[in-house]
Amino acid sequence: MGKSKGLSQVLWERGFIDETSIEKYKLTGKNDYFGILDNSTSLRHMMIMCSNFLREQGMMELIGQKVGVEVILTSKCHAELAGEGVEYMRACSKNHYRNLSLKEKKGKDKFTEAVRKCLSVDVITLMRKENLQNERDNI
């Protein structure tokens, strides 16, 4: 009670695994006789394939919704699909936020205002993207 559940516990509660053969499963799965990964023994794979997990709103999306920001994410567990645009936007907004004084971020209202400012078109501009591309070309 009051503790996080493990993958095996959650999958057992949903009826995906049999408690009598729990040793059959591993976090990333087991290899068969030929060295091929058997996804039916992977706890991560089974959890990812749960329909409610695929449709579930993530923590970042939920927080964004609460502060009035739309968060669009790529497939869960596949950050490498995000591309440079997402990394660029995240870096610009993070850099701007770090340069704000503590006075500008302290308190719920000021924090919300600061986050909105960091995610605005005033901070994330096409001009910065073009300058960044020019700098990369000159290296």
N, C-alpha and C. Protein backbone atom coordinates (compact mmCIF):
# COMPACT_ATOMS: atom_id res chain seq x y z
N MET A 1 0.84 -1.18 0.00
CA MET A 1 0.00 0.00 0.00
C MET A 1 0.89 1.24 0.00
N GLY A 2 0.59 2.18 -0.86
CA GLY A 2 1.35 3.43 -0.91
C GLY A 2 2.65 3.32 -1.69
N LYS A 3 2.93 2.18 -2.28
CA LYS A 3 4.15 1.99 -3.06
C LYS A 3 3.80 1.81 -4.53
N SER A 4 4.75 2.15 -5.39
CA SER A 4 4.54 1.96 -6.82
C SER A 4 4.50 0.47 -7.15
N LYS A 5 3.69 0.12 -8.12
CA LYS A 5 3.62 -1.27 -8.57
C LYS A 5 4.67 -1.50 -9.64
N GLY A 6 5.16 -2.69 -9.72
CA GLY A 6 6.09 -3.06 -10.77
C GLY A 6 5.33 -3.49 -12.02
N LEU A 7 6.05 -3.60 -13.13
CA LEU A 7 5.42 -4.02 -14.38
C LEU A 7 4.77 -5.39 -14.25
N SER A 8 5.46 -6.31 -13.59
CA SER A 8 4.90 -7.66 -13.48
C SER A 8 3.60 -7.65 -12.68
N GLN A 9 3.51 -6.82 -11.65
CA GLN A 9 2.28 -6.73 -10.85
C GLN A 9 1.13 -6.17 -11.69
N VAL A 10 1.39 -5.09 -12.41
CA VAL A 10 0.36 -4.47 -13.24
C VAL A 10 -0.11 -5.43 -14.33
N LEU A 11 0.83 -6.09 -15.00
CA LEU A 11 0.47 -7.03 -16.07
C LEU A 11 -0.27 -8.24 -15.52
N TRP A 12 0.10 -8.70 -14.32
CA TRP A 12 -0.60 -9.81 -13.69
C TRP A 12 -2.04 -9.40 -13.38
N GLU A 13 -2.24 -8.17 -12.83
CA GLU A 13 -3.58 -7.69 -12.51
C GLU A 13 -4.45 -7.58 -13.76
N ARG A 14 -3.85 -7.29 -14.89
CA ARG A 14 -4.60 -7.16 -16.15
C ARG A 14 -4.79 -8.51 -16.84
N GLY A 15 -4.20 -9.57 -16.31
CA GLY A 15 -4.38 -10.90 -16.86
C GLY A 15 -3.44 -11.25 -18.00
N PHE A 16 -2.35 -10.50 -18.16
CA PHE A 16 -1.41 -10.77 -19.25
C PHE A 16 -0.39 -11.84 -18.89
N ILE A 17 -0.08 -11.99 -17.63
CA ILE A 17 0.91 -13.00 -17.24
C ILE A 17 0.35 -13.89 -16.14
N ASP A 18 0.87 -15.08 -16.09
CA ASP A 18 0.45 -16.08 -15.12
C ASP A 18 1.44 -16.05 -13.96
N GLU A 19 0.94 -15.90 -12.75
CA GLU A 19 1.83 -15.80 -11.59
C GLU A 19 2.63 -17.07 -11.33
N THR A 20 2.18 -18.19 -11.84
CA THR A 20 2.91 -19.44 -11.61
C THR A 20 4.15 -19.56 -12.49
N SER A 21 4.22 -18.76 -13.57
CA SER A 21 5.40 -18.82 -14.44
C SER A 21 6.06 -17.45 -14.57
N ILE A 22 6.12 -16.71 -13.45
CA ILE A 22 6.67 -15.35 -13.46
C ILE A 22 8.14 -15.32 -13.87
N GLU A 23 8.88 -16.39 -13.60
CA GLU A 23 10.31 -16.44 -13.97
C GLU A 23 10.52 -16.48 -15.48
N LYS A 24 9.46 -16.74 -16.23
CA LYS A 24 9.51 -16.79 -17.69
C LYS A 24 9.72 -15.39 -18.29
N TYR A 25 9.38 -14.34 -17.54
CA TYR A 25 9.40 -12.97 -18.06
C TYR A 25 10.61 -12.18 -17.55
N LYS A 26 11.10 -11.28 -18.40
CA LYS A 26 12.16 -10.36 -18.03
C LYS A 26 11.75 -8.96 -18.47
N LEU A 27 12.41 -7.95 -17.96
CA LEU A 27 12.08 -6.58 -18.31
C LEU A 27 12.13 -6.36 -19.82
N THR A 28 13.22 -6.80 -20.44
CA THR A 28 13.37 -6.60 -21.89
C THR A 28 13.08 -7.86 -22.70
N GLY A 29 12.74 -8.96 -22.04
CA GLY A 29 12.43 -10.20 -22.73
C GLY A 29 13.60 -11.16 -22.75
N LYS A 30 13.33 -12.36 -23.20
CA LYS A 30 14.36 -13.39 -23.28
C LYS A 30 14.58 -13.77 -24.74
N ASN A 31 15.78 -14.25 -25.02
CA ASN A 31 16.11 -14.73 -26.37
C ASN A 31 15.74 -16.20 -26.48
N ASP A 32 15.29 -16.60 -27.66
CA ASP A 32 14.97 -18.01 -27.88
C ASP A 32 16.26 -18.79 -28.19
N TYR A 33 16.11 -20.01 -28.57
CA TYR A 33 17.23 -20.90 -28.84
C TYR A 33 18.18 -20.34 -29.90
N PHE A 34 17.63 -19.58 -30.88
CA PHE A 34 18.43 -19.03 -31.97
C PHE A 34 18.94 -17.62 -31.69
N GLY A 35 18.70 -17.11 -30.48
CA GLY A 35 19.16 -15.77 -30.12
C GLY A 35 18.23 -14.65 -30.55
N ILE A 36 17.02 -14.99 -30.97
CA ILE A 36 16.04 -14.00 -31.39
C ILE A 36 15.19 -13.61 -30.19
N LEU A 37 15.02 -12.30 -30.00
CA LEU A 37 14.26 -11.80 -28.86
C LEU A 37 12.79 -12.20 -28.98
N ASP A 38 12.28 -12.79 -27.92
CA ASP A 38 10.87 -13.20 -27.86
C ASP A 38 10.10 -12.13 -27.10
N ASN A 39 9.36 -11.28 -27.83
CA ASN A 39 8.62 -10.19 -27.21
C ASN A 39 7.53 -10.65 -26.25
N SER A 40 7.09 -11.90 -26.39
CA SER A 40 6.06 -12.40 -25.48
C SER A 40 6.59 -12.60 -24.07
N THR A 41 7.90 -12.50 -23.89
CA THR A 41 8.50 -12.60 -22.55
C THR A 41 8.99 -11.25 -22.04
N SER A 42 8.75 -10.19 -22.80
CA SER A 42 9.20 -8.84 -22.42
C SER A 42 8.09 -8.08 -21.69
N LEU A 43 8.34 -7.72 -20.44
CA LEU A 43 7.36 -6.96 -19.67
C LEU A 43 7.12 -5.59 -20.30
N ARG A 44 8.19 -4.95 -20.75
CA ARG A 44 8.05 -3.63 -21.39
C ARG A 44 7.18 -3.72 -22.65
N HIS A 45 7.46 -4.70 -23.49
CA HIS A 45 6.70 -4.84 -24.73
C HIS A 45 5.22 -5.09 -24.45
N MET A 46 4.94 -5.95 -23.49
CA MET A 46 3.54 -6.23 -23.17
C MET A 46 2.83 -4.99 -22.65
N MET A 47 3.51 -4.18 -21.84
CA MET A 47 2.90 -2.97 -21.30
C MET A 47 2.68 -1.94 -22.40
N ILE A 48 3.64 -1.80 -23.29
CA ILE A 48 3.50 -0.84 -24.39
C ILE A 48 2.31 -1.21 -25.28
N MET A 49 2.03 -2.49 -25.42
CA MET A 49 0.95 -2.94 -26.30
C MET A 49 -0.44 -2.84 -25.66
N CYS A 50 -0.51 -2.50 -24.37
CA CYS A 50 -1.82 -2.32 -23.72
C CYS A 50 -2.52 -1.13 -24.35
N SER A 51 -3.77 -1.31 -24.77
CA SER A 51 -4.48 -0.26 -25.50
C SER A 51 -4.63 1.01 -24.69
N ASN A 52 -4.90 0.91 -23.40
CA ASN A 52 -5.07 2.14 -22.62
C ASN A 52 -3.74 2.86 -22.44
N PHE A 53 -2.63 2.15 -22.44
CA PHE A 53 -1.32 2.79 -22.35
C PHE A 53 -1.03 3.59 -23.60
N LEU A 54 -1.43 3.06 -24.75
CA LEU A 54 -1.20 3.75 -26.01
C LEU A 54 -2.02 5.03 -26.11
N ARG A 55 -3.23 5.04 -25.55
CA ARG A 55 -4.11 6.20 -25.63
C ARG A 55 -3.99 7.13 -24.43
N GLU A 56 -3.32 6.70 -23.39
CA GLU A 56 -3.25 7.46 -22.15
C GLU A 56 -2.52 8.79 -22.33
N GLN A 57 -3.03 9.83 -21.68
CA GLN A 57 -2.38 11.13 -21.74
C GLN A 57 -1.18 11.10 -20.80
N GLY A 58 -0.02 11.50 -21.31
CA GLY A 58 1.20 11.49 -20.51
C GLY A 58 1.26 12.64 -19.52
N MET A 59 2.19 12.57 -18.59
CA MET A 59 2.34 13.59 -17.56
C MET A 59 2.63 14.97 -18.17
N MET A 60 3.50 15.01 -19.17
CA MET A 60 3.85 16.28 -19.81
C MET A 60 2.62 16.88 -20.49
N GLU A 61 1.81 16.05 -21.15
CA GLU A 61 0.60 16.54 -21.80
C GLU A 61 -0.40 17.07 -20.78
N LEU A 62 -0.53 16.38 -19.67
CA LEU A 62 -1.46 16.78 -18.62
C LEU A 62 -1.05 18.12 -18.01
N ILE A 63 0.22 18.27 -17.70
CA ILE A 63 0.71 19.53 -17.13
C ILE A 63 0.56 20.66 -18.14
N GLY A 64 0.89 20.40 -19.38
CA GLY A 64 0.73 21.41 -20.42
C GLY A 64 -0.71 21.87 -20.55
N GLN A 65 -1.64 20.93 -20.46
CA GLN A 65 -3.06 21.25 -20.55
C GLN A 65 -3.48 22.14 -19.38
N LYS A 66 -2.94 21.87 -18.20
CA LYS A 66 -3.30 22.65 -17.01
C LYS A 66 -2.80 24.10 -17.10
N VAL A 67 -1.64 24.30 -17.73
CA VAL A 67 -1.11 25.67 -17.85
C VAL A 67 -1.50 26.33 -19.16
N GLY A 68 -2.31 25.64 -19.97
CA GLY A 68 -2.83 26.23 -21.19
C GLY A 68 -1.90 26.14 -22.39
N VAL A 69 -1.02 25.12 -22.39
CA VAL A 69 -0.08 24.92 -23.49
C VAL A 69 -0.40 23.59 -24.15
N GLU A 70 -0.41 23.56 -25.47
CA GLU A 70 -0.65 22.31 -26.17
C GLU A 70 0.68 21.57 -26.35
N VAL A 71 0.74 20.36 -25.85
CA VAL A 71 1.94 19.53 -25.96
C VAL A 71 1.64 18.43 -26.96
N ILE A 72 2.42 18.39 -28.02
CA ILE A 72 2.25 17.35 -29.03
C ILE A 72 3.48 16.46 -28.97
N LEU A 73 3.26 15.20 -28.66
CA LEU A 73 4.37 14.26 -28.50
C LEU A 73 4.36 13.22 -29.61
N THR A 74 5.52 12.64 -29.82
CA THR A 74 5.62 11.53 -30.75
C THR A 74 5.19 10.26 -30.02
N SER A 75 5.30 9.14 -30.64
CA SER A 75 4.92 7.87 -30.04
C SER A 75 5.59 7.70 -28.69
N LYS A 76 4.85 7.16 -27.74
CA LYS A 76 5.42 6.91 -26.42
C LYS A 76 6.62 5.97 -26.56
N CYS A 77 7.65 6.24 -25.79
CA CYS A 77 8.85 5.41 -25.73
C CYS A 77 9.71 5.52 -26.98
N HIS A 78 9.46 6.50 -27.85
CA HIS A 78 10.25 6.64 -29.06
C HIS A 78 10.64 8.10 -29.28
N ALA A 79 11.43 8.65 -28.35
CA ALA A 79 11.83 10.05 -28.43
C ALA A 79 12.68 10.34 -29.66
N GLU A 80 13.37 9.33 -30.17
CA GLU A 80 14.23 9.55 -31.33
C GLU A 80 13.44 9.93 -32.58
N LEU A 81 12.14 9.76 -32.57
CA LEU A 81 11.30 10.13 -33.71
C LEU A 81 10.92 11.62 -33.70
N ALA A 82 11.24 12.31 -32.62
CA ALA A 82 10.81 13.70 -32.46
C ALA A 82 11.43 14.62 -33.49
N GLY A 83 12.68 14.41 -33.83
CA GLY A 83 13.33 15.24 -34.84
C GLY A 83 13.97 16.49 -34.25
N GLU A 84 14.68 17.22 -35.09
CA GLU A 84 15.42 18.39 -34.65
C GLU A 84 14.52 19.53 -34.21
N GLY A 85 13.36 19.68 -34.82
CA GLY A 85 12.47 20.79 -34.48
C GLY A 85 12.09 20.80 -33.02
N VAL A 86 11.76 19.63 -32.49
CA VAL A 86 11.37 19.53 -31.09
C VAL A 86 12.56 19.84 -30.19
N GLU A 87 13.72 19.31 -30.53
CA GLU A 87 14.91 19.58 -29.74
C GLU A 87 15.27 21.06 -29.77
N TYR A 88 15.13 21.67 -30.93
CA TYR A 88 15.41 23.10 -31.08
C TYR A 88 14.46 23.92 -30.21
N MET A 89 13.16 23.63 -30.29
CA MET A 89 12.18 24.38 -29.51
C MET A 89 12.41 24.20 -28.02
N ARG A 90 12.70 22.99 -27.61
CA ARG A 90 12.95 22.71 -26.19
C ARG A 90 14.18 23.46 -25.71
N ALA A 91 15.24 23.46 -26.51
CA ALA A 91 16.47 24.14 -26.13
C ALA A 91 16.28 25.65 -26.02
N CYS A 92 15.57 26.23 -26.98
CA CYS A 92 15.32 27.69 -26.96
C CYS A 92 14.51 28.08 -25.73
N SER A 93 13.42 27.35 -25.47
CA SER A 93 12.58 27.71 -24.34
C SER A 93 13.30 27.46 -23.02
N LYS A 94 14.06 26.37 -22.92
CA LYS A 94 14.81 26.07 -21.70
C LYS A 94 15.87 27.13 -21.44
N ASN A 95 16.57 27.55 -22.48
CA ASN A 95 17.60 28.58 -22.35
C ASN A 95 16.98 29.90 -21.88
N HIS A 96 15.86 30.26 -22.45
CA HIS A 96 15.19 31.51 -22.05
C HIS A 96 14.75 31.43 -20.60
N TYR A 97 14.18 30.30 -20.19
CA TYR A 97 13.71 30.13 -18.82
C TYR A 97 14.87 30.23 -17.82
N ARG A 98 15.98 29.61 -18.15
CA ARG A 98 17.14 29.65 -17.25
C ARG A 98 17.71 31.06 -17.09
N ASN A 99 17.52 31.91 -18.10
CA ASN A 99 18.03 33.27 -18.02
C ASN A 99 17.09 34.24 -17.31
N LEU A 100 15.90 33.79 -16.96
CA LEU A 100 14.98 34.63 -16.19
C LEU A 100 15.44 34.71 -14.75
N SER A 101 15.21 35.85 -14.12
CA SER A 101 15.59 35.98 -12.72
C SER A 101 14.63 35.18 -11.85
N LEU A 102 15.06 34.84 -10.65
CA LEU A 102 14.23 34.07 -9.73
C LEU A 102 12.94 34.83 -9.41
N LYS A 103 13.03 36.14 -9.36
CA LYS A 103 11.86 36.97 -9.07
C LYS A 103 10.78 36.81 -10.15
N GLU A 104 11.20 36.59 -11.38
CA GLU A 104 10.26 36.43 -12.49
C GLU A 104 9.59 35.05 -12.51
N LYS A 105 10.14 34.09 -11.73
CA LYS A 105 9.63 32.72 -11.74
C LYS A 105 8.97 32.31 -10.43
N LYS A 106 9.13 33.10 -9.38
CA LYS A 106 8.68 32.70 -8.05
C LYS A 106 7.18 32.91 -7.90
N GLY A 107 6.49 31.89 -7.44
CA GLY A 107 5.04 31.92 -7.28
C GLY A 107 4.35 31.27 -8.47
N LYS A 108 3.17 30.72 -8.21
CA LYS A 108 2.45 29.96 -9.24
C LYS A 108 2.10 30.83 -10.45
N ASP A 109 1.57 32.02 -10.21
CA ASP A 109 1.17 32.89 -11.32
C ASP A 109 2.36 33.34 -12.14
N LYS A 110 3.45 33.72 -11.47
CA LYS A 110 4.65 34.16 -12.19
C LYS A 110 5.29 33.00 -12.94
N PHE A 111 5.26 31.81 -12.32
CA PHE A 111 5.82 30.63 -12.98
C PHE A 111 5.04 30.33 -14.26
N THR A 112 3.71 30.33 -14.15
CA THR A 112 2.86 30.06 -15.32
C THR A 112 3.12 31.09 -16.41
N GLU A 113 3.22 32.34 -16.03
CA GLU A 113 3.49 33.41 -17.00
C GLU A 113 4.86 33.21 -17.65
N ALA A 114 5.85 32.83 -16.85
CA ALA A 114 7.21 32.60 -17.38
C ALA A 114 7.23 31.45 -18.37
N VAL A 115 6.54 30.37 -18.05
CA VAL A 115 6.50 29.21 -18.95
C VAL A 115 5.81 29.59 -20.26
N ARG A 116 4.70 30.30 -20.17
CA ARG A 116 4.01 30.74 -21.39
C ARG A 116 4.91 31.62 -22.24
N LYS A 117 5.66 32.52 -21.60
CA LYS A 117 6.57 33.40 -22.33
C LYS A 117 7.65 32.57 -23.02
N CYS A 118 8.20 31.59 -22.31
CA CYS A 118 9.27 30.75 -22.87
C CYS A 118 8.79 29.92 -24.06
N LEU A 119 7.51 29.61 -24.12
CA LEU A 119 6.97 28.81 -25.21
C LEU A 119 6.30 29.65 -26.29
N SER A 120 6.41 30.96 -26.17
CA SER A 120 5.76 31.85 -27.12
C SER A 120 6.58 32.02 -28.40
N VAL A 121 5.95 32.60 -29.42
CA VAL A 121 6.65 32.85 -30.68
C VAL A 121 7.69 33.96 -30.55
N ASP A 122 7.65 34.71 -29.44
CA ASP A 122 8.68 35.71 -29.19
C ASP A 122 10.02 35.06 -28.87
N VAL A 123 9.98 33.89 -28.27
CA VAL A 123 11.21 33.17 -27.89
C VAL A 123 11.60 32.16 -28.97
N ILE A 124 10.64 31.37 -29.42
CA ILE A 124 10.89 30.35 -30.43
C ILE A 124 10.53 30.95 -31.79
N THR A 125 11.52 31.47 -32.46
CA THR A 125 11.27 32.17 -33.73
C THR A 125 11.92 31.44 -34.89
N LEU A 126 11.43 31.72 -36.09
CA LEU A 126 12.05 31.15 -37.29
C LEU A 126 13.44 31.74 -37.51
N MET A 127 13.63 33.01 -37.11
CA MET A 127 14.93 33.66 -37.28
C MET A 127 16.01 32.89 -36.53
N ARG A 128 15.71 32.47 -35.32
CA ARG A 128 16.69 31.69 -34.55
C ARG A 128 17.02 30.39 -35.26
N LYS A 129 16.02 29.77 -35.82
CA LYS A 129 16.24 28.50 -36.52
C LYS A 129 17.16 28.72 -37.72
N GLU A 130 16.92 29.80 -38.47
CA GLU A 130 17.77 30.10 -39.62
C GLU A 130 19.20 30.41 -39.19
N ASN A 131 19.35 31.18 -38.10
CA ASN A 131 20.69 31.49 -37.59
C ASN A 131 21.42 30.23 -37.14
N LEU A 132 20.69 29.34 -36.49
CA LEU A 132 21.27 28.08 -36.03
C LEU A 132 21.74 27.25 -37.22
N GLN A 133 20.93 27.20 -38.27
CA GLN A 133 21.30 26.44 -39.46
C GLN A 133 22.54 27.04 -40.12
N ASN A 134 22.61 28.38 -40.18
CA ASN A 134 23.78 29.06 -40.77
C ASN A 134 25.04 28.76 -39.96
N GLU A 135 24.92 28.76 -38.63
CA GLU A 135 26.07 28.45 -37.78
C GLU A 135 26.55 27.03 -38.03
N ARG A 136 25.62 26.08 -38.17
CA ARG A 136 26.00 24.69 -38.44
C ARG A 136 26.70 24.55 -39.78
N ASP A 137 26.21 25.30 -40.78
CA ASP A 137 26.81 25.23 -42.12
C ASP A 137 28.23 25.76 -42.13
N ASN A 138 28.53 26.71 -41.25
CA ASN A 138 29.86 27.35 -41.20
C ASN A 138 30.87 26.52 -40.41
N ILE A 139 30.43 25.49 -39.72
CA ILE A 139 31.35 24.67 -38.91
C ILE A 139 32.09 23.69 -39.77
